[in-house]
Amino acid sequence: MSTPNSPRRPRGGRWLPRLAWFSLLVLLLAALLLAGAGPAYRLELLPLGSAFDMLRRGVYLSAAAAALGLLALIAATFCRRLQPALIGGVVVVATAAMLAVPWLHWQRAQTAPPIHDITTDTENPPAFETLAAAREAAPNAVEYPGESVARQQREAYPDIQPMILDVPLNLARDVAEAAALDMGWHLAHNSLTRIEATDTTTWFGFKDDIVIRLSEDDDGIRLDVRSASRMGRGDVGANAARIRAYFEAVERRLD
């Protein structure tokens, strides 16, 4: 029984701040799982399947943290408790920011065709030579998959076309090489008419291979590019995006 001089008990009692802090703890655990999945695979601490499971659990925990944070925010607002409300709001906002990239990745996966080999010349794609051995050791094939993949590429990425450079061949090769280095690719072969390179993704360390072919055309030097993943049925549009970014790097070098 309270007396007139006893301190007034805050509305919501002790469970409200505990709920808010618990939602923050769940969020931190989810962030650890999401951030650690890629490095764990790159460092060969986990196989790919286990790393993806780790990623999936991180997403589930993030959703749980957001639900707990939202509950704490609503209850704290109703009880006029500032600290739990702030913690709950931070958890909700941080979860939304943390899941933005996986959400966009998932959205692209729903629209991108299930292909992983993209080229500006589907009739006569540039061939991997120097990197052929590395690709033979990987799950995906060395040879271009054929017309079925070409048809899906034309429907999904009609903008992936050869680039014409109105410069001499030697200068075109120098520009092509410099643009590849600007992209951060590791060059495996570099000759007057062909460049082969490998791009390693930042998070999981997946390796994708690129071959660049330069050929003389009536309008100038034709630049064809092929970008192919070493593993995975689909690439979520990554190889098409890589070719676009490379052509932008070429244009910057020409300027």
Protein backbone atom coordinates (compact mmCIF):
# COMPACT_ATOMS: atom_id res chain seq x y z
CA MET A 1 0.00 0.00 0.00
CA SER A 2 1.50 3.31 -1.05
CA THR A 3 1.73 6.36 1.22
CA PRO A 4 1.46 10.01 0.17
CA ASN A 5 5.26 10.41 0.45
CA SER A 6 6.22 7.19 -1.44
CA PRO A 7 7.62 7.57 -5.01
CA ARG A 8 5.12 7.11 -7.75
CA ARG A 9 5.62 3.93 -9.77
CA PRO A 10 6.14 4.62 -13.51
CA ARG A 11 3.34 3.51 -15.79
CA GLY A 12 4.11 0.21 -17.46
CA GLY A 13 6.33 -0.93 -14.61
CA ARG A 14 9.69 -2.59 -15.19
CA TRP A 15 8.63 -4.80 -18.11
CA LEU A 16 8.47 -1.88 -20.55
CA PRO A 17 12.16 -0.86 -20.48
CA ARG A 18 13.10 -4.52 -20.37
CA LEU A 19 11.09 -5.14 -23.53
CA ALA A 20 12.77 -2.20 -25.26
CA TRP A 21 16.28 -3.31 -24.28
CA PHE A 22 15.49 -6.90 -25.26
CA SER A 23 14.39 -5.75 -28.74
CA LEU A 24 17.73 -3.94 -29.07
CA LEU A 25 19.60 -7.07 -28.01
CA VAL A 26 17.74 -9.15 -30.60
CA LEU A 27 18.58 -6.54 -33.24
CA LEU A 28 22.29 -6.68 -32.38
CA LEU A 29 22.26 -10.47 -32.64
CA ALA A 30 20.50 -10.24 -36.02
CA ALA A 31 23.07 -7.70 -37.25
CA LEU A 32 25.87 -10.03 -36.17
CA LEU A 33 24.37 -12.91 -38.15
CA LEU A 34 23.73 -10.78 -41.25
CA ALA A 35 27.15 -9.16 -41.23
CA GLY A 36 29.03 -12.35 -40.39
CA ALA A 37 27.50 -14.70 -42.98
CA GLY A 38 29.64 -13.46 -45.87
CA PRO A 39 32.98 -13.29 -44.03
CA ALA A 40 32.35 -16.72 -42.47
CA TYR A 41 32.04 -18.17 -45.97
CA ARG A 42 34.99 -16.20 -47.37
CA LEU A 43 37.23 -17.39 -44.53
CA GLU A 44 36.02 -20.97 -45.12
CA LEU A 45 34.59 -21.19 -41.61
CA LEU A 46 31.21 -22.25 -43.02
CA PRO A 47 30.07 -23.92 -46.24
CA LEU A 48 27.87 -21.86 -48.51
CA GLY A 49 24.64 -23.57 -47.43
CA SER A 50 25.34 -22.89 -43.75
CA ALA A 51 26.27 -19.26 -44.53
CA PHE A 52 22.93 -18.78 -46.30
CA ASP A 53 21.15 -20.38 -43.33
CA MET A 54 22.96 -17.90 -41.08
CA LEU A 55 21.78 -15.08 -43.32
CA ARG A 56 18.21 -16.37 -43.23
CA ARG A 57 18.20 -16.56 -39.44
CA GLY A 58 19.49 -13.00 -39.33
CA VAL A 59 16.53 -11.84 -41.41
CA TYR A 60 14.08 -13.69 -39.15
CA LEU A 61 15.66 -12.22 -36.03
CA SER A 62 15.55 -8.75 -37.60
CA ALA A 63 11.81 -9.13 -38.16
CA ALA A 64 11.38 -10.26 -34.56
CA ALA A 65 13.42 -7.29 -33.30
CA ALA A 66 11.29 -4.90 -35.35
CA ALA A 67 8.08 -6.41 -33.93
CA LEU A 68 9.37 -6.16 -30.35
CA GLY A 69 10.64 -2.62 -30.93
CA LEU A 70 7.31 -1.55 -32.39
CA LEU A 71 5.46 -3.07 -29.43
CA ALA A 72 7.77 -1.25 -27.02
CA LEU A 73 7.30 2.01 -28.92
CA ILE A 74 3.51 1.80 -28.89
CA ALA A 75 3.31 0.77 -25.24
CA ALA A 76 5.85 3.39 -24.13
CA THR A 77 4.00 6.11 -26.03
CA PHE A 78 0.75 5.08 -24.37
CA CYS A 79 2.45 5.00 -20.94
CA ARG A 80 4.40 8.21 -21.63
CA ARG A 81 7.78 6.58 -21.07
CA LEU A 82 10.43 8.42 -23.07
CA GLN A 83 13.43 6.08 -22.87
CA PRO A 84 11.62 2.84 -23.91
CA ALA A 85 9.89 4.77 -26.69
CA LEU A 86 13.23 6.05 -28.02
CA ILE A 87 14.82 2.59 -27.87
CA GLY A 88 11.86 0.99 -29.60
CA GLY A 89 11.88 3.66 -32.32
CA VAL A 90 15.60 3.24 -32.89
CA VAL A 91 15.18 -0.53 -33.21
CA VAL A 92 12.37 -0.15 -35.79
CA VAL A 93 14.31 2.39 -37.88
CA ALA A 94 17.59 0.46 -37.65
CA THR A 95 15.87 -2.78 -38.69
CA ALA A 96 14.33 -1.10 -41.73
CA ALA A 97 17.73 0.30 -42.75
CA MET A 98 19.48 -3.02 -42.16
CA LEU A 99 16.96 -5.01 -44.22
CA ALA A 100 16.82 -2.50 -47.09
CA VAL A 101 19.66 -4.14 -49.05
CA PRO A 102 18.41 -7.75 -48.65
CA TRP A 103 14.92 -6.56 -49.57
CA LEU A 104 16.12 -4.87 -52.76
CA HIS A 105 18.18 -7.98 -53.56
CA TRP A 106 15.10 -10.15 -53.12
CA GLN A 107 13.03 -7.80 -55.27
CA ARG A 108 15.59 -7.99 -58.09
CA ALA A 109 15.63 -11.76 -57.78
CA GLN A 110 11.89 -11.84 -58.49
CA THR A 111 12.26 -9.98 -61.78
CA ALA A 112 15.68 -11.10 -63.05
CA PRO A 113 15.81 -14.19 -65.29
CA PRO A 114 17.54 -17.29 -63.84
CA ILE A 115 20.69 -16.85 -65.95
CA HIS A 116 24.29 -16.07 -65.00
CA ASP A 117 26.15 -15.55 -68.31
CA ILE A 118 25.63 -12.16 -70.00
CA THR A 119 27.30 -10.92 -73.18
CA THR A 120 27.00 -8.11 -75.68
CA ASP A 121 27.31 -10.67 -78.51
CA THR A 122 24.94 -13.60 -78.04
CA GLU A 123 25.64 -14.99 -81.53
CA ASN A 124 29.43 -15.12 -81.17
CA PRO A 125 30.20 -14.55 -77.49
CA PRO A 126 33.80 -13.79 -76.46
CA ALA A 127 35.44 -17.01 -75.24
CA PHE A 128 37.30 -17.59 -71.99
CA GLU A 129 40.79 -18.90 -72.66
CA THR A 130 43.16 -17.95 -69.85
CA LEU A 131 40.39 -18.34 -67.27
CA ALA A 132 39.03 -21.55 -68.79
CA ALA A 133 40.81 -23.75 -66.23
CA ALA A 134 39.46 -21.74 -63.30
CA ARG A 135 35.96 -21.94 -64.70
CA GLU A 136 36.24 -25.67 -65.35
CA ALA A 137 36.94 -26.14 -61.64
CA ALA A 138 33.79 -24.16 -60.78
CA PRO A 139 30.16 -25.36 -60.97
CA ASN A 140 29.17 -23.22 -63.98
CA ALA A 141 30.23 -24.12 -67.50
CA VAL A 142 33.03 -22.50 -69.50
CA GLU A 143 31.09 -22.44 -72.77
CA TYR A 144 28.26 -20.01 -73.39
CA PRO A 145 24.95 -21.73 -72.50
CA GLY A 146 23.28 -21.12 -75.88
CA GLU A 147 20.14 -19.69 -77.46
CA SER A 148 17.79 -20.29 -74.52
CA VAL A 149 19.93 -18.04 -72.32
CA ALA A 150 20.41 -15.54 -75.16
CA ARG A 151 16.66 -15.25 -75.59
CA GLN A 152 16.13 -14.59 -71.88
CA GLN A 153 18.90 -12.00 -71.92
CA ARG A 154 17.42 -10.13 -74.88
CA GLU A 155 14.04 -9.99 -73.15
CA ALA A 156 15.40 -8.89 -69.76
CA TYR A 157 18.38 -6.71 -70.78
CA PRO A 158 17.80 -5.29 -74.29
CA ASP A 159 20.29 -2.49 -73.54
CA ILE A 160 23.26 -4.89 -73.31
CA GLN A 161 24.80 -4.15 -76.70
CA PRO A 162 28.34 -3.75 -78.10
CA MET A 163 30.08 -0.41 -77.70
CA ILE A 164 31.75 1.31 -80.66
CA LEU A 165 34.86 3.36 -79.96
CA ASP A 166 35.89 5.93 -82.55
CA VAL A 167 39.60 5.68 -81.71
CA PRO A 168 42.56 3.62 -82.97
CA LEU A 169 42.88 0.04 -81.75
CA ASN A 170 45.90 0.71 -79.52
CA LEU A 171 44.11 3.55 -77.74
CA ALA A 172 40.90 1.51 -77.48
CA ARG A 173 42.84 -1.30 -75.80
CA ASP A 174 44.46 1.15 -73.36
CA VAL A 175 41.07 2.63 -72.50
CA ALA A 176 39.53 -0.84 -72.08
CA GLU A 177 42.37 -1.90 -69.79
CA ALA A 178 42.25 1.28 -67.71
CA ALA A 179 38.47 0.97 -67.28
CA ALA A 180 38.84 -2.64 -66.13
CA LEU A 181 41.38 -1.54 -63.52
CA ASP A 182 39.04 1.28 -62.48
CA MET A 183 36.44 -1.41 -61.77
CA GLY A 184 38.85 -3.12 -59.40
CA TRP A 185 39.12 -6.30 -61.50
CA HIS A 186 42.11 -8.62 -61.39
CA LEU A 187 43.50 -8.97 -64.92
CA ALA A 188 44.36 -12.52 -65.94
CA HIS A 189 45.16 -11.76 -69.60
CA ASN A 190 45.81 -8.56 -71.48
CA SER A 191 46.58 -8.48 -75.19
CA LEU A 192 45.79 -6.11 -78.04
CA THR A 193 42.38 -7.62 -78.81
CA ARG A 194 41.37 -9.49 -75.63
CA ILE A 195 41.33 -8.89 -71.89
CA GLU A 196 40.28 -11.45 -69.31
CA ALA A 197 39.63 -10.49 -65.70
CA THR A 198 38.00 -11.63 -62.48
CA ASP A 199 35.77 -9.61 -60.19
CA THR A 200 35.41 -10.70 -56.55
CA THR A 201 32.26 -9.63 -54.72
CA THR A 202 32.80 -7.75 -51.48
CA TRP A 203 30.59 -9.63 -49.05
CA PHE A 204 30.64 -13.33 -49.89
CA GLY A 205 33.73 -13.22 -52.11
CA PHE A 206 32.02 -14.83 -55.12
CA LYS A 207 34.19 -14.75 -58.24
CA ASP A 208 32.73 -13.66 -61.58
CA ASP A 209 34.79 -13.70 -64.77
CA ILE A 210 34.88 -11.13 -67.57
CA VAL A 211 36.28 -11.32 -71.08
CA ILE A 212 36.60 -8.19 -73.22
CA ARG A 213 37.06 -8.47 -76.99
CA LEU A 214 38.15 -5.67 -79.28
CA SER A 215 37.61 -5.99 -83.03
CA GLU A 216 37.82 -3.60 -85.95
CA ASP A 217 34.47 -2.52 -87.36
CA ASP A 218 33.42 -0.21 -90.20
CA ASP A 219 32.46 2.43 -87.62
CA GLY A 220 35.49 2.03 -85.36
CA ILE A 221 36.59 -0.45 -82.71
CA ARG A 222 33.84 -2.73 -81.51
CA LEU A 223 34.01 -3.53 -77.80
CA ASP A 224 32.25 -6.74 -76.73
CA VAL A 225 32.04 -7.85 -73.11
CA ARG A 226 30.98 -11.12 -71.50
CA SER A 227 30.46 -11.42 -67.76
CA ALA A 228 29.71 -14.82 -66.20
CA SER A 229 29.36 -16.10 -62.64
CA ARG A 230 31.35 -19.15 -61.59
CA MET A 231 28.53 -20.46 -59.41
CA GLY A 232 24.80 -20.04 -59.03
CA ARG A 233 21.97 -20.57 -61.49
CA GLY A 234 20.91 -16.92 -61.49
CA ASP A 235 22.90 -13.77 -60.80
CA VAL A 236 20.06 -11.40 -59.79
CA GLY A 237 21.09 -9.07 -62.61
CA ALA A 238 24.66 -8.65 -61.32
CA ASN A 239 26.46 -9.47 -64.59
CA ALA A 240 24.30 -7.12 -66.66
CA ALA A 241 24.88 -4.38 -64.09
CA ARG A 242 28.62 -5.07 -64.23
CA ILE A 243 28.71 -4.63 -68.02
CA ARG A 244 26.77 -1.37 -67.77
CA ALA A 245 29.12 -0.07 -65.09
CA TYR A 246 32.14 -1.07 -67.19
CA PHE A 247 30.86 0.80 -70.24
CA GLU A 248 30.32 3.85 -68.04
CA ALA A 249 33.95 3.53 -66.89
CA VAL A 250 35.05 3.34 -70.54
CA GLU A 251 33.11 6.50 -71.35
CA ARG A 252 34.71 8.32 -68.43
CA ARG A 253 38.15 7.26 -69.67
CA LEU A 254 37.36 8.48 -73.18
CA ASP A 255 36.26 11.83 -71.79
